Amino acid sequence: MTEPILAATDVTKIYRTGDVAVEALKRLTLTVEAGELVAVMGPSGSGKTTLLNCLSGLDDIDAGQVVVQGQDLFAMSDARRTEHRARSMGFIFQAFNLIPVFSALENVELPLLLVGIHPAAARRRAAEMLERVGLGHRIEHRPNEMSGGEQQRVTIARALVGRPAIVWADEPTGNLDSTMAAEVMDLLCELNAREGQTIVLVTHDPAIGARASRLVTVRDGRLVGDVDQPRRAVEVAAVG
């Protein structure tokens, strides 16, 4: 059997403010196989975003182990972990986090340039990725010239352009209306179904969570539910 793309064991995260300590994650264990689309849900304050940040190495942990692609994230130096994250992971955020003075093309090519890809190759790959997410006609537009749904598609293109092993999405539809949210989720499901892209997303929206192939529920820093879900017919058809 192949090893999972993510194996987190007994992950504990404590936030401290003065004499007050809050245990945000409590010995949480989670495994994700390559090609899964996993939704993480739970009440506000349950630890969903903390979990994503710890599993991706954006935040330190206080105990436990997180292994991504066979690499123990917290056995690495900060510099090595940052490099591993840049080369092996993509991120999609609720707030888009696009650079406002850059065009869509420049926003998408930036992570490639930061890891040393030749500028001409970076520009070509960025243009190809924007075409794949349906924005080939908008590559020269800046974020303020785009709708929220288009901006999120740019964010998805930026997350995928480095061909990451795993994509982390924190409330990727949280700033969108229901129509745009459904379109963005259509795109993520298609990328997962057609190309086997591994995606772990945090959401508060049951309609979004229902479209994942697996639903993980977190409450009070603990994993309290882990259910495989049937694929919707439209997503099954996408790979046929």
C-alpha atoms as a PDB file:
ATOM      1  CA  MET A   1       0.000   0.000   0.000  1.00  0.00           C
ATOM      2  CA  THR A   2       1.162   3.526  -0.758  1.00  0.00           C
ATOM      3  CA  GLU A   3       1.649   5.833   2.194  1.00  0.00           C
ATOM      4  CA  PRO A   4      -0.911   8.601   2.743  1.00  0.00           C
ATOM      5  CA  ILE A   5      -0.100  12.051   1.464  1.00  0.00           C
ATOM      6  CA  LEU A   6      -0.820  13.421   4.960  1.00  0.00           C
ATOM      7  CA  ALA A   7      -0.494  11.668   8.300  1.00  0.00           C
ATOM      8  CA  ALA A   8      -1.093  13.772  11.402  1.00  0.00           C
ATOM      9  CA  THR A   9      -0.775  12.046  14.768  1.00  0.00           C
ATOM     10  CA  ASP A  10      -1.782  13.376  18.212  1.00  0.00           C
ATOM     11  CA  VAL A  11      -1.477  17.000  17.058  1.00  0.00           C
ATOM     12  CA  THR A  12      -1.828  19.451  19.932  1.00  0.00           C
ATOM     13  CA  LYS A  13      -1.900  23.229  19.631  1.00  0.00           C
ATOM     14  CA  ILE A  14      -2.035  25.588  22.612  1.00  0.00           C
ATOM     15  CA  TYR A  15      -2.506  29.339  22.391  1.00  0.00           C
ATOM     16  CA  ARG A  16      -1.122  31.276  25.352  1.00  0.00           C
ATOM     17  CA  THR A  17      -1.940  34.821  26.413  1.00  0.00           C
ATOM     18  CA  GLY A  18      -0.271  35.764  29.672  1.00  0.00           C
ATOM     19  CA  ASP A  19      -1.320  33.139  32.197  1.00  0.00           C
ATOM     20  CA  VAL A  20      -4.202  31.897  30.049  1.00  0.00           C
ATOM     21  CA  ALA A  21      -3.687  28.779  27.908  1.00  0.00           C
ATOM     22  CA  VAL A  22      -6.295  27.594  25.388  1.00  0.00           C
ATOM     23  CA  GLU A  23      -5.893  24.128  23.909  1.00  0.00           C
ATOM     24  CA  ALA A  24      -7.125  24.664  20.354  1.00  0.00           C
ATOM     25  CA  LEU A  25      -6.252  21.154  19.118  1.00  0.00           C
ATOM     26  CA  LYS A  26      -6.302  18.163  21.461  1.00  0.00           C
ATOM     27  CA  ARG A  27      -4.290  15.131  20.329  1.00  0.00           C
ATOM     28  CA  LEU A  28      -6.004  15.167  16.947  1.00  0.00           C
ATOM     29  CA  THR A  29      -5.124  12.393  14.484  1.00  0.00           C
ATOM     30  CA  LEU A  30      -6.006  12.531  10.779  1.00  0.00           C
ATOM     31  CA  THR A  31      -4.863  10.747   7.610  1.00  0.00           C
ATOM     32  CA  VAL A  32      -5.520  11.945   4.055  1.00  0.00           C
ATOM     33  CA  GLU A  33      -4.892   9.780   0.994  1.00  0.00           C
ATOM     34  CA  ALA A  34      -3.705  11.173  -2.326  1.00  0.00           C
ATOM     35  CA  GLY A  35      -6.627  12.217  -4.523  1.00  0.00           C
ATOM     36  CA  GLU A  36      -9.113  12.878  -1.724  1.00  0.00           C
ATOM     37  CA  LEU A  37     -11.304  15.966  -1.465  1.00  0.00           C
ATOM     38  CA  VAL A  38     -11.786  16.417   2.276  1.00  0.00           C
ATOM     39  CA  ALA A  39     -14.068  19.018   3.850  1.00  0.00           C
ATOM     40  CA  VAL A  40     -13.470  20.045   7.475  1.00  0.00           C
ATOM     41  CA  MET A  41     -16.547  21.376   9.263  1.00  0.00           C
ATOM     42  CA  GLY A  42     -17.485  22.310  12.804  1.00  0.00           C
ATOM     43  CA  PRO A  43     -18.923  25.121  14.921  1.00  0.00           C
ATOM     44  CA  SER A  44     -17.264  28.523  15.069  1.00  0.00           C
ATOM     45  CA  GLY A  45     -14.200  28.295  17.304  1.00  0.00           C
ATOM     46  CA  SER A  46     -13.974  24.517  16.982  1.00  0.00           C
ATOM     47  CA  GLY A  47     -10.408  24.576  15.638  1.00  0.00           C
ATOM     48  CA  LYS A  48     -11.009  24.173  11.890  1.00  0.00           C
ATOM     49  CA  THR A  49      -8.661  26.908  10.671  1.00  0.00           C
ATOM     50  CA  THR A  50      -6.117  26.095  13.382  1.00  0.00           C
ATOM     51  CA  LEU A  51      -6.109  22.518  12.128  1.00  0.00           C
ATOM     52  CA  LEU A  52      -5.485  23.615   8.538  1.00  0.00           C
ATOM     53  CA  ASN A  53      -2.702  25.979   9.621  1.00  0.00           C
ATOM     54  CA  CYS A  54      -0.993  23.303  11.715  1.00  0.00           C
ATOM     55  CA  LEU A  55      -1.290  20.547   9.131  1.00  0.00           C
ATOM     56  CA  SER A  56       0.207  22.823   6.461  1.00  0.00           C
ATOM     57  CA  GLY A  57       3.022  24.033   8.703  1.00  0.00           C
ATOM     58  CA  LEU A  58       1.853  27.653   8.740  1.00  0.00           C
ATOM     59  CA  ASP A  59       1.558  27.415  12.548  1.00  0.00           C
ATOM     60  CA  ASP A  60       3.808  25.533  14.961  1.00  0.00           C
ATOM     61  CA  ILE A  61       2.392  22.700  17.059  1.00  0.00           C
ATOM     62  CA  ASP A  62       2.986  21.943  20.734  1.00  0.00           C
ATOM     63  CA  ALA A  63       2.963  18.157  20.425  1.00  0.00           C
ATOM     64  CA  GLY A  64       2.416  15.420  17.885  1.00  0.00           C
ATOM     65  CA  GLN A  65       3.658  14.841  14.368  1.00  0.00           C
ATOM     66  CA  VAL A  66       2.624  15.994  10.884  1.00  0.00           C
ATOM     67  CA  VAL A  67       4.031  14.084   7.904  1.00  0.00           C
ATOM     68  CA  VAL A  68       3.351  15.342   4.367  1.00  0.00           C
ATOM     69  CA  GLN A  69       4.662  13.277   1.446  1.00  0.00           C
ATOM     70  CA  GLY A  70       6.824  11.316   3.865  1.00  0.00           C
ATOM     71  CA  GLN A  71       8.399  14.479   5.292  1.00  0.00           C
ATOM     72  CA  ASP A  72       7.994  15.341   8.990  1.00  0.00           C
ATOM     73  CA  LEU A  73       7.161  19.057   8.828  1.00  0.00           C
ATOM     74  CA  PHE A  74       8.182  19.870  12.375  1.00  0.00           C
ATOM     75  CA  ALA A  75      11.460  17.991  12.233  1.00  0.00           C
ATOM     76  CA  MET A  76      12.540  20.523   9.596  1.00  0.00           C
ATOM     77  CA  SER A  77      14.127  23.921  10.138  1.00  0.00           C
ATOM     78  CA  ASP A  78      11.834  26.898   9.549  1.00  0.00           C
ATOM     79  CA  ALA A  79      13.599  27.620   6.265  1.00  0.00           C
ATOM     80  CA  ARG A  80      13.288  24.033   5.034  1.00  0.00           C
ATOM     81  CA  ARG A  81       9.619  23.890   6.033  1.00  0.00           C
ATOM     82  CA  THR A  82       8.948  27.133   4.151  1.00  0.00           C
ATOM     83  CA  GLU A  83      10.655  25.730   1.061  1.00  0.00           C
ATOM     84  CA  HIS A  84       8.726  22.452   1.325  1.00  0.00           C
ATOM     85  CA  ARG A  85       5.477  24.380   1.628  1.00  0.00           C
ATOM     86  CA  ALA A  86       6.288  26.523  -1.414  1.00  0.00           C
ATOM     87  CA  ARG A  87       7.118  23.515  -3.579  1.00  0.00           C
ATOM     88  CA  SER A  88       4.547  20.969  -2.390  1.00  0.00           C
ATOM     89  CA  MET A  89       1.483  22.917  -1.254  1.00  0.00           C
ATOM     90  CA  GLY A  90      -1.019  25.387  -2.641  1.00  0.00           C
ATOM     91  CA  PHE A  91      -3.237  27.725  -0.625  1.00  0.00           C
ATOM     92  CA  ILE A  92      -6.664  29.226  -1.302  1.00  0.00           C
ATOM     93  CA  PHE A  93      -7.896  31.846   1.169  1.00  0.00           C
ATOM     94  CA  GLN A  94     -11.290  33.408   1.783  1.00  0.00           C
ATOM     95  CA  ALA A  95      -9.850  36.910   1.339  1.00  0.00           C
ATOM     96  CA  PHE A  96      -8.150  35.980  -1.984  1.00  0.00           C
ATOM     97  CA  ASN A  97      -4.835  37.627  -0.910  1.00  0.00           C
ATOM     98  CA  LEU A  98      -4.073  38.788  -4.442  1.00  0.00           C
ATOM     99  CA  ILE A  99      -1.566  41.589  -5.025  1.00  0.00           C
ATOM    100  CA  PRO A 100      -3.765  44.491  -6.190  1.00  0.00           C
ATOM    101  CA  VAL A 101      -1.229  46.153  -8.494  1.00  0.00           C
ATOM    102  CA  PHE A 102      -0.471  42.875 -10.309  1.00  0.00           C
ATOM    103  CA  SER A 103      -2.460  41.469 -13.204  1.00  0.00           C
ATOM    104  CA  ALA A 104      -4.007  38.019 -12.930  1.00  0.00           C
ATOM    105  CA  LEU A 105      -1.067  36.645 -14.899  1.00  0.00           C
ATOM    106  CA  GLU A 106       1.490  38.289 -12.612  1.00  0.00           C
ATOM    107  CA  ASN A 107      -0.299  37.051  -9.486  1.00  0.00           C
ATOM    108  CA  VAL A 108      -0.275  33.471 -10.747  1.00  0.00           C
ATOM    109  CA  GLU A 109       3.319  33.428 -11.983  1.00  0.00           C
ATOM    110  CA  LEU A 110       4.719  34.918  -8.757  1.00  0.00           C
ATOM    111  CA  PRO A 111       5.012  31.654  -6.738  1.00  0.00           C
ATOM    112  CA  LEU A 112       6.878  30.055  -9.624  1.00  0.00           C
ATOM    113  CA  LEU A 113       9.351  32.925  -9.776  1.00  0.00           C
ATOM    114  CA  LEU A 114       9.898  32.665  -6.019  1.00  0.00           C
ATOM    115  CA  VAL A 115      11.065  29.050  -6.325  1.00  0.00           C
ATOM    116  CA  GLY A 116      13.416  29.804  -9.212  1.00  0.00           C
ATOM    117  CA  ILE A 117      11.387  28.877 -12.302  1.00  0.00           C
ATOM    118  CA  HIS A 118      12.683  30.711 -15.393  1.00  0.00           C
ATOM    119  CA  PRO A 119      10.501  33.796 -16.059  1.00  0.00           C
ATOM    120  CA  ALA A 120       9.478  32.687 -19.557  1.00  0.00           C
ATOM    121  CA  ALA A 121       8.436  29.246 -18.304  1.00  0.00           C
ATOM    122  CA  ALA A 122       6.640  30.784 -15.312  1.00  0.00           C
ATOM    123  CA  ARG A 123       4.666  33.109 -17.567  1.00  0.00           C
ATOM    124  CA  ARG A 124       3.702  30.280 -19.920  1.00  0.00           C
ATOM    125  CA  ARG A 125       2.555  28.009 -17.089  1.00  0.00           C
ATOM    126  CA  ALA A 126       0.605  30.858 -15.457  1.00  0.00           C
ATOM    127  CA  ALA A 127      -1.215  31.629 -18.705  1.00  0.00           C
ATOM    128  CA  GLU A 128      -2.034  27.943 -19.207  1.00  0.00           C
ATOM    129  CA  MET A 129      -3.387  27.648 -15.678  1.00  0.00           C
ATOM    130  CA  LEU A 130      -5.581  30.734 -16.043  1.00  0.00           C
ATOM    131  CA  GLU A 131      -6.946  29.238 -19.251  1.00  0.00           C
ATOM    132  CA  ARG A 132      -7.757  26.025 -17.372  1.00  0.00           C
ATOM    133  CA  VAL A 133      -9.784  27.888 -14.737  1.00  0.00           C
ATOM    134  CA  GLY A 134     -11.710  29.796 -17.394  1.00  0.00           C
ATOM    135  CA  LEU A 135      -9.873  33.110 -17.238  1.00  0.00           C
ATOM    136  CA  GLY A 136      -7.780  33.039 -20.398  1.00  0.00           C
ATOM    137  CA  HIS A 137      -9.543  36.210 -21.524  1.00  0.00           C
ATOM    138  CA  ARG A 138      -8.793  38.060 -18.244  1.00  0.00           C
ATOM    139  CA  ILE A 139      -5.071  37.493 -17.780  1.00  0.00           C
ATOM    140  CA  GLU A 140      -4.151  41.182 -18.028  1.00  0.00           C
ATOM    141  CA  HIS A 141      -6.879  42.388 -15.654  1.00  0.00           C
ATOM    142  CA  ARG A 142      -6.098  43.428 -12.089  1.00  0.00           C
ATOM    143  CA  PRO A 143      -8.105  42.122  -9.123  1.00  0.00           C
ATOM    144  CA  ASN A 144     -10.229  45.288  -8.802  1.00  0.00           C
ATOM    145  CA  GLU A 145     -11.361  44.771 -12.391  1.00  0.00           C
ATOM    146  CA  MET A 146     -12.745  41.314 -11.614  1.00  0.00           C
ATOM    147  CA  SER A 147     -15.752  39.870  -9.810  1.00  0.00           C
ATOM    148  CA  GLY A 148     -15.299  38.006  -6.541  1.00  0.00           C
ATOM    149  CA  GLY A 149     -15.714  34.684  -8.326  1.00  0.00           C
ATOM    150  CA  GLU A 150     -13.087  35.614 -10.894  1.00  0.00           C
ATOM    151  CA  GLN A 151     -10.682  36.686  -8.173  1.00  0.00           C
ATOM    152  CA  GLN A 152     -11.126  33.354  -6.434  1.00  0.00           C
ATOM    153  CA  ARG A 153     -10.427  31.574  -9.713  1.00  0.00           C
ATOM    154  CA  VAL A 154      -7.161  33.515  -9.933  1.00  0.00           C
ATOM    155  CA  THR A 155      -6.392  32.358  -6.388  1.00  0.00           C
ATOM    156  CA  ILE A 156      -7.105  28.749  -7.396  1.00  0.00           C
ATOM    157  CA  ALA A 157      -4.858  29.099 -10.450  1.00  0.00           C
ATOM    158  CA  ARG A 158      -2.095  30.488  -8.239  1.00  0.00           C
ATOM    159  CA  ALA A 159      -2.509  27.586  -5.806  1.00  0.00           C
ATOM    160  CA  LEU A 160      -2.305  24.990  -8.581  1.00  0.00           C
ATOM    161  CA  VAL A 161       0.333  26.457 -10.897  1.00  0.00           C
ATOM    162  CA  GLY A 162       3.196  24.938  -8.874  1.00  0.00           C
ATOM    163  CA  ARG A 163       1.663  21.450  -9.313  1.00  0.00           C
ATOM    164  CA  PRO A 164       1.333  20.922  -5.557  1.00  0.00           C
ATOM    165  CA  ALA A 165       0.844  17.589  -3.876  1.00  0.00           C
ATOM    166  CA  ILE A 166      -1.903  19.056  -1.698  1.00  0.00           C
ATOM    167  CA  VAL A 167      -4.057  22.198  -1.761  1.00  0.00           C
ATOM    168  CA  TRP A 168      -5.353  23.774   1.455  1.00  0.00           C
ATOM    169  CA  ALA A 169      -8.469  25.928   1.163  1.00  0.00           C
ATOM    170  CA  ASP A 170      -9.712  28.030   4.090  1.00  0.00           C
ATOM    171  CA  GLU A 171     -13.351  29.027   3.521  1.00  0.00           C
ATOM    172  CA  PRO A 172     -12.744  29.335  -0.241  1.00  0.00           C
ATOM    173  CA  THR A 173     -16.347  30.391  -0.902  1.00  0.00           C
ATOM    174  CA  GLY A 174     -16.848  32.474   2.239  1.00  0.00           C
ATOM    175  CA  ASN A 175     -16.760  35.845   0.447  1.00  0.00           C
ATOM    176  CA  LEU A 176     -18.940  34.773  -2.481  1.00  0.00           C
ATOM    177  CA  ASP A 177     -22.666  34.713  -3.116  1.00  0.00           C
ATOM    178  CA  SER A 178     -24.325  31.327  -3.547  1.00  0.00           C
ATOM    179  CA  THR A 179     -24.052  31.294  -7.353  1.00  0.00           C
ATOM    180  CA  MET A 180     -20.356  32.182  -7.391  1.00  0.00           C
ATOM    181  CA  ALA A 181     -19.706  29.783  -4.503  1.00  0.00           C
ATOM    182  CA  ALA A 182     -21.259  26.931  -6.475  1.00  0.00           C
ATOM    183  CA  GLU A 183     -19.136  27.799  -9.536  1.00  0.00           C
ATOM    184  CA  VAL A 184     -15.923  27.829  -7.507  1.00  0.00           C
ATOM    185  CA  MET A 185     -16.831  24.516  -5.897  1.00  0.00           C
ATOM    186  CA  ASP A 186     -17.639  23.099  -9.353  1.00  0.00           C
ATOM    187  CA  LEU A 187     -14.078  23.987 -10.369  1.00  0.00           C
ATOM    188  CA  LEU A 188     -12.487  22.436  -7.276  1.00  0.00           C
ATOM    189  CA  CYS A 189     -14.522  19.249  -7.688  1.00  0.00           C
ATOM    190  CA  GLU A 190     -13.591  19.025 -11.353  1.00  0.00           C
ATOM    191  CA  LEU A 191      -9.875  19.471 -10.603  1.00  0.00           C
ATOM    192  CA  ASN A 192     -10.132  16.764  -7.963  1.00  0.00           C
ATOM    193  CA  ALA A 193     -12.137  14.364 -10.144  1.00  0.00           C
ATOM    194  CA  ARG A 194     -10.305  14.852 -13.431  1.00  0.00           C
ATOM    195  CA  GLU A 195      -6.762  15.358 -12.230  1.00  0.00           C
ATOM    196  CA  GLY A 196      -6.720  13.691  -8.818  1.00  0.00           C
ATOM    197  CA  GLN A 197      -5.742  16.894  -7.049  1.00  0.00           C
ATOM    198  CA  THR A 198      -5.724  16.360  -3.281  1.00  0.00           C
ATOM    199  CA  ILE A 199      -7.697  19.141  -1.570  1.00  0.00           C
ATOM    200  CA  VAL A 200      -8.436  19.780   2.102  1.00  0.00           C
ATOM    201  CA  LEU A 201     -10.905  22.604   2.632  1.00  0.00           C
ATOM    202  CA  VAL A 202     -12.401  24.271   5.687  1.00  0.00           C
ATOM    203  CA  THR A 203     -15.997  25.412   5.338  1.00  0.00           C
ATOM    204  CA  HIS A 204     -18.953  26.451   7.487  1.00  0.00           C
ATOM    205  CA  ASP A 205     -21.378  25.869   4.620  1.00  0.00           C
ATOM    206  CA  PRO A 206     -23.143  22.468   4.670  1.00  0.00           C
ATOM    207  CA  ALA A 207     -23.827  22.713   0.931  1.00  0.00           C
ATOM    208  CA  ILE A 208     -20.099  22.992   0.254  1.00  0.00           C
ATOM    209  CA  GLY A 209     -19.222  20.262   2.733  1.00  0.00           C
ATOM    210  CA  ALA A 210     -21.746  17.919   1.131  1.00  0.00           C
ATOM    211  CA  ARG A 211     -19.845  18.031  -2.157  1.00  0.00           C
ATOM    212  CA  ALA A 212     -16.590  16.681  -0.726  1.00  0.00           C
ATOM    213  CA  SER A 213     -15.797  12.979  -1.005  1.00  0.00           C
ATOM    214  CA  ARG A 214     -15.115  12.920   2.726  1.00  0.00           C
ATOM    215  CA  LEU A 215     -16.450  15.032   5.586  1.00  0.00           C
ATOM    216  CA  VAL A 216     -14.407  15.515   8.756  1.00  0.00           C
ATOM    217  CA  THR A 217     -16.082  17.186  11.738  1.00  0.00           C
ATOM    218  CA  VAL A 218     -14.127  19.027  14.424  1.00  0.00           C
ATOM    219  CA  ARG A 219     -15.528  20.179  17.753  1.00  0.00           C
ATOM    220  CA  ASP A 220     -13.625  21.680  20.696  1.00  0.00           C
ATOM    221  CA  GLY A 221     -10.301  20.829  19.088  1.00  0.00           C
ATOM    222  CA  ARG A 222     -11.118  17.150  18.597  1.00  0.00           C
ATOM    223  CA  LEU A 223     -12.055  15.122  15.547  1.00  0.00           C
ATOM    224  CA  VAL A 224     -15.583  13.893  16.267  1.00  0.00           C
ATOM    225  CA  GLY A 225     -16.697  12.698  12.830  1.00  0.00           C
ATOM    226  CA  ASP A 226     -15.104  11.246   9.697  1.00  0.00           C
ATOM    227  CA  VAL A 227     -17.474  10.084   6.959  1.00  0.00           C
ATOM    228  CA  ASP A 228     -16.945   9.072   3.324  1.00  0.00           C
ATOM    229  CA  GLN A 229     -19.604  10.622   1.099  1.00  0.00           C
ATOM    230  CA  PRO A 230     -20.936   9.440  -2.270  1.00  0.00           C
ATOM    231  CA  ARG A 231     -19.889  11.455  -5.283  1.00  0.00           C
ATOM    232  CA  ARG A 232     -22.559  13.612  -6.880  1.00  0.00           C
ATOM    233  CA  ALA A 233     -23.506  12.413 -10.335  1.00  0.00           C
ATOM    234  CA  VAL A 234     -22.080  15.495 -12.065  1.00  0.00           C
ATOM    235  CA  GLU A 235     -18.689  14.908 -10.476  1.00  0.00           C
ATOM    236  CA  VAL A 236     -18.662  11.200 -11.298  1.00  0.00           C
ATOM    237  CA  ALA A 237     -19.500  12.079 -14.908  1.00  0.00           C
ATOM    238  CA  ALA A 238     -16.540  14.468 -15.020  1.00  0.00           C
ATOM    239  CA  VAL A 239     -14.079  11.576 -14.955  1.00  0.00           C
ATOM    240  CA  GLY A 240     -16.024   9.394 -17.352  1.00  0.00           C
END
